[in-house]
N, C-alpha and C. Protein backbone atom coordinates (compact mmCIF):
# COMPACT_ATOMS: atom_id res chain seq x y z
N UNK A 1 13.19 3.13 -104.94
CA UNK A 1 13.10 4.52 -105.28
C UNK A 1 13.04 5.32 -103.99
N UNK A 2 13.82 6.34 -103.90
CA UNK A 2 13.80 7.19 -102.71
C UNK A 2 12.89 8.38 -102.95
N UNK A 3 12.72 9.18 -101.94
CA UNK A 3 11.88 10.37 -102.05
C UNK A 3 12.42 11.35 -103.08
N UNK A 4 13.71 11.34 -103.29
CA UNK A 4 14.34 12.29 -104.20
C UNK A 4 14.56 11.67 -105.58
N UNK A 5 13.78 10.64 -105.92
CA UNK A 5 13.83 9.97 -107.21
C UNK A 5 15.19 9.38 -107.54
N UNK A 6 15.97 9.06 -106.54
CA UNK A 6 17.26 8.40 -106.76
C UNK A 6 17.09 6.92 -106.42
N UNK A 7 17.51 6.08 -107.33
CA UNK A 7 17.39 4.66 -107.06
C UNK A 7 18.60 4.19 -106.28
N UNK A 8 18.40 3.11 -105.55
CA UNK A 8 19.51 2.53 -104.80
C UNK A 8 20.46 1.83 -105.76
N UNK A 9 21.75 1.85 -105.47
CA UNK A 9 22.68 1.12 -106.33
C UNK A 9 22.42 -0.38 -106.22
N UNK A 10 22.49 -1.05 -107.34
CA UNK A 10 22.31 -2.50 -107.33
C UNK A 10 23.66 -3.18 -107.32
N UNK A 11 23.81 -4.25 -106.55
CA UNK A 11 25.10 -4.93 -106.51
C UNK A 11 25.40 -5.61 -107.84
N UNK A 12 26.66 -5.64 -108.18
CA UNK A 12 27.05 -6.32 -109.41
C UNK A 12 26.91 -7.82 -109.21
N UNK A 13 26.66 -8.57 -110.30
CA UNK A 13 26.48 -10.01 -110.16
C UNK A 13 27.68 -10.67 -109.49
N UNK A 14 27.39 -11.52 -108.53
CA UNK A 14 28.44 -12.26 -107.85
C UNK A 14 29.10 -11.52 -106.70
N UNK A 15 28.70 -10.25 -106.48
CA UNK A 15 29.37 -9.50 -105.41
C UNK A 15 28.51 -9.35 -104.16
N UNK A 16 27.21 -9.61 -104.27
CA UNK A 16 26.32 -9.42 -103.12
C UNK A 16 25.94 -10.74 -102.49
N UNK A 17 25.08 -10.64 -101.50
CA UNK A 17 24.60 -11.84 -100.82
C UNK A 17 23.57 -12.54 -101.70
N UNK A 18 23.44 -13.81 -101.51
CA UNK A 18 22.45 -14.58 -102.25
C UNK A 18 21.06 -14.15 -101.82
N UNK A 19 20.07 -14.40 -102.66
CA UNK A 19 18.69 -14.03 -102.33
C UNK A 19 18.29 -14.66 -101.00
N UNK A 20 17.64 -13.84 -100.16
CA UNK A 20 17.18 -14.35 -98.87
C UNK A 20 18.24 -14.29 -97.78
N UNK A 21 19.42 -13.83 -98.10
CA UNK A 21 20.48 -13.71 -97.10
C UNK A 21 20.75 -12.25 -96.83
N UNK A 22 21.12 -11.94 -95.62
CA UNK A 22 21.43 -10.58 -95.23
C UNK A 22 22.89 -10.31 -95.52
N UNK A 23 23.19 -9.16 -96.13
CA UNK A 23 24.58 -8.83 -96.42
C UNK A 23 25.17 -7.85 -95.42
N UNK A 24 24.39 -7.44 -94.40
CA UNK A 24 24.86 -6.46 -93.44
C UNK A 24 25.20 -7.04 -92.08
N UNK A 25 25.15 -8.34 -91.93
CA UNK A 25 25.51 -8.94 -90.66
C UNK A 25 24.37 -9.02 -89.67
N UNK A 26 23.20 -8.45 -90.00
CA UNK A 26 22.05 -8.50 -89.11
C UNK A 26 21.12 -9.64 -89.47
N UNK A 27 19.91 -9.59 -88.91
CA UNK A 27 18.95 -10.65 -89.21
C UNK A 27 18.31 -10.41 -90.58
N UNK A 28 17.87 -11.47 -91.20
CA UNK A 28 17.19 -11.38 -92.48
C UNK A 28 15.72 -11.08 -92.21
N UNK A 29 15.16 -10.00 -92.80
CA UNK A 29 13.76 -9.68 -92.53
C UNK A 29 12.83 -10.71 -93.14
N UNK A 30 11.74 -11.00 -92.42
CA UNK A 30 10.74 -11.93 -92.95
C UNK A 30 9.78 -11.17 -93.86
N UNK A 31 8.85 -11.89 -94.45
CA UNK A 31 7.93 -11.29 -95.42
C UNK A 31 7.07 -10.20 -94.79
N UNK A 32 6.56 -10.44 -93.57
CA UNK A 32 5.74 -9.43 -92.90
C UNK A 32 6.54 -8.15 -92.67
N UNK A 33 7.78 -8.27 -92.23
CA UNK A 33 8.62 -7.09 -92.00
C UNK A 33 8.83 -6.30 -93.28
N UNK A 34 9.03 -7.00 -94.39
CA UNK A 34 9.23 -6.32 -95.67
C UNK A 34 7.96 -5.58 -96.11
N UNK A 35 6.80 -6.22 -95.95
CA UNK A 35 5.54 -5.58 -96.32
C UNK A 35 5.29 -4.35 -95.45
N UNK A 36 5.51 -4.47 -94.15
CA UNK A 36 5.33 -3.34 -93.24
C UNK A 36 6.31 -2.21 -93.56
N UNK A 37 7.55 -2.56 -93.88
CA UNK A 37 8.55 -1.55 -94.22
C UNK A 37 8.15 -0.80 -95.48
N UNK A 38 7.67 -1.52 -96.49
CA UNK A 38 7.22 -0.86 -97.72
C UNK A 38 6.06 0.08 -97.43
N UNK A 39 5.15 -0.35 -96.56
CA UNK A 39 4.01 0.48 -96.20
C UNK A 39 4.41 1.75 -95.47
N UNK A 40 5.32 1.63 -94.53
CA UNK A 40 5.72 2.82 -93.76
C UNK A 40 6.52 3.78 -94.64
N UNK A 41 7.36 3.27 -95.52
CA UNK A 41 8.11 4.15 -96.42
C UNK A 41 7.16 4.87 -97.36
N UNK A 42 6.17 4.17 -97.90
CA UNK A 42 5.17 4.80 -98.78
C UNK A 42 4.39 5.88 -98.05
N UNK A 43 3.99 5.61 -96.81
CA UNK A 43 3.24 6.59 -96.03
C UNK A 43 4.08 7.83 -95.72
N UNK A 44 5.33 7.63 -95.36
CA UNK A 44 6.22 8.75 -95.05
C UNK A 44 6.43 9.60 -96.30
N UNK A 45 6.67 8.95 -97.44
CA UNK A 45 6.86 9.70 -98.68
C UNK A 45 5.60 10.44 -99.09
N UNK A 46 4.42 9.80 -98.96
CA UNK A 46 3.16 10.44 -99.33
C UNK A 46 2.88 11.67 -98.46
N UNK A 47 3.28 11.61 -97.21
CA UNK A 47 3.06 12.73 -96.29
C UNK A 47 4.15 13.78 -96.38
N UNK A 48 5.20 13.50 -97.14
CA UNK A 48 6.32 14.43 -97.23
C UNK A 48 7.13 14.46 -95.95
N UNK A 49 7.08 13.38 -95.19
CA UNK A 49 7.78 13.32 -93.91
C UNK A 49 9.19 12.80 -94.02
N UNK A 50 9.79 12.59 -92.87
CA UNK A 50 11.17 12.13 -92.81
C UNK A 50 11.32 10.79 -92.11
N UNK A 51 10.36 10.44 -91.26
CA UNK A 51 10.46 9.19 -90.50
C UNK A 51 9.06 8.71 -90.13
N UNK A 52 8.97 7.43 -89.86
CA UNK A 52 7.69 6.86 -89.45
C UNK A 52 7.88 5.46 -88.92
N UNK A 53 6.87 4.96 -88.29
CA UNK A 53 6.94 3.62 -87.74
C UNK A 53 5.57 2.99 -87.66
N UNK A 54 5.56 1.69 -87.42
CA UNK A 54 4.31 0.94 -87.26
C UNK A 54 4.40 0.17 -85.95
N UNK A 55 3.39 0.37 -85.12
CA UNK A 55 3.28 -0.38 -83.87
C UNK A 55 2.27 -1.51 -84.05
N UNK A 56 2.55 -2.66 -83.46
CA UNK A 56 1.64 -3.79 -83.45
C UNK A 56 1.33 -4.17 -82.01
N UNK A 57 0.18 -4.81 -81.80
CA UNK A 57 -0.16 -5.28 -80.46
C UNK A 57 0.82 -6.36 -80.03
N UNK A 58 1.17 -6.34 -78.78
CA UNK A 58 2.03 -7.38 -78.23
C UNK A 58 1.15 -8.39 -77.50
N UNK A 59 1.76 -9.40 -76.93
CA UNK A 59 1.03 -10.39 -76.15
C UNK A 59 0.56 -9.85 -74.81
N UNK A 60 1.10 -8.73 -74.40
CA UNK A 60 0.74 -8.10 -73.13
C UNK A 60 -0.40 -7.10 -73.36
N UNK A 61 -1.52 -7.24 -72.66
CA UNK A 61 -2.62 -6.29 -72.82
C UNK A 61 -2.16 -4.86 -72.52
N UNK A 62 -2.59 -3.92 -73.37
CA UNK A 62 -2.26 -2.52 -73.16
C UNK A 62 -0.86 -2.12 -73.59
N UNK A 63 -0.18 -2.98 -74.34
CA UNK A 63 1.19 -2.68 -74.76
C UNK A 63 1.34 -2.90 -76.26
N UNK A 64 1.85 -1.88 -76.94
CA UNK A 64 2.18 -2.00 -78.35
C UNK A 64 3.69 -2.09 -78.48
N UNK A 65 4.15 -2.76 -79.53
CA UNK A 65 5.59 -2.82 -79.77
C UNK A 65 5.88 -2.28 -81.16
N UNK A 66 6.98 -1.59 -81.31
CA UNK A 66 7.38 -1.03 -82.59
C UNK A 66 7.85 -2.16 -83.49
N UNK A 67 7.15 -2.36 -84.60
CA UNK A 67 7.49 -3.45 -85.52
C UNK A 67 8.42 -2.98 -86.62
N UNK A 68 8.22 -1.75 -87.11
CA UNK A 68 9.02 -1.23 -88.22
C UNK A 68 9.29 0.24 -87.97
N UNK A 69 10.51 0.66 -88.25
CA UNK A 69 10.91 2.06 -88.13
C UNK A 69 11.67 2.44 -89.39
N UNK A 70 11.31 3.55 -89.99
CA UNK A 70 12.00 4.02 -91.20
C UNK A 70 12.40 5.48 -91.01
N UNK A 71 13.59 5.81 -91.42
CA UNK A 71 14.04 7.20 -91.40
C UNK A 71 14.84 7.61 -90.18
N UNK A 72 14.92 6.76 -89.18
CA UNK A 72 15.69 7.05 -87.97
C UNK A 72 16.49 5.80 -87.59
N UNK A 73 17.65 5.99 -86.98
CA UNK A 73 18.39 4.82 -86.50
C UNK A 73 17.65 4.18 -85.32
N UNK A 74 17.55 2.87 -85.32
CA UNK A 74 16.84 2.14 -84.28
C UNK A 74 17.28 2.48 -82.86
N UNK A 75 18.60 2.51 -82.58
CA UNK A 75 19.03 2.82 -81.21
C UNK A 75 18.56 4.19 -80.71
N UNK A 76 18.42 5.16 -81.60
CA UNK A 76 17.94 6.47 -81.21
C UNK A 76 16.49 6.42 -80.74
N UNK A 77 15.72 5.52 -81.32
CA UNK A 77 14.29 5.41 -81.03
C UNK A 77 13.98 4.37 -79.96
N UNK A 78 15.00 3.79 -79.36
CA UNK A 78 14.82 2.71 -78.39
C UNK A 78 13.85 3.04 -77.24
N UNK A 79 13.84 4.25 -76.69
CA UNK A 79 12.90 4.52 -75.60
C UNK A 79 11.43 4.36 -76.00
N UNK A 80 11.13 4.36 -77.29
CA UNK A 80 9.76 4.26 -77.77
C UNK A 80 9.47 2.93 -78.46
N UNK A 81 10.30 1.91 -78.25
CA UNK A 81 10.06 0.59 -78.84
C UNK A 81 8.78 -0.02 -78.31
N UNK A 82 8.45 0.29 -77.06
CA UNK A 82 7.20 -0.20 -76.45
C UNK A 82 6.36 1.01 -76.07
N UNK A 83 5.06 0.90 -76.35
CA UNK A 83 4.15 2.01 -76.07
C UNK A 83 2.98 1.48 -75.26
N UNK A 84 2.80 2.04 -74.07
CA UNK A 84 1.65 1.66 -73.23
C UNK A 84 0.43 2.44 -73.69
N UNK A 85 -0.67 1.71 -73.85
CA UNK A 85 -1.92 2.37 -74.29
C UNK A 85 -3.05 2.09 -73.31
């Protein structure tokens, strides 16, 4: 469901990728990525916003990394993939 109450089109049987496979040529998201994506989309919709993201701690002290981005193309947001804190 989108913010404008329009549902996404569902692929007809036999025309899409099998469950667990990516149909866009990119990587298949894992379960954590899907849960985070659902959370960020819900938060953006609840706030009436247009975009949002979730940062997680990285292995480097004082550095966060962008785990999920919704509402903006990833390459546009590339300068902010890592955030020093």
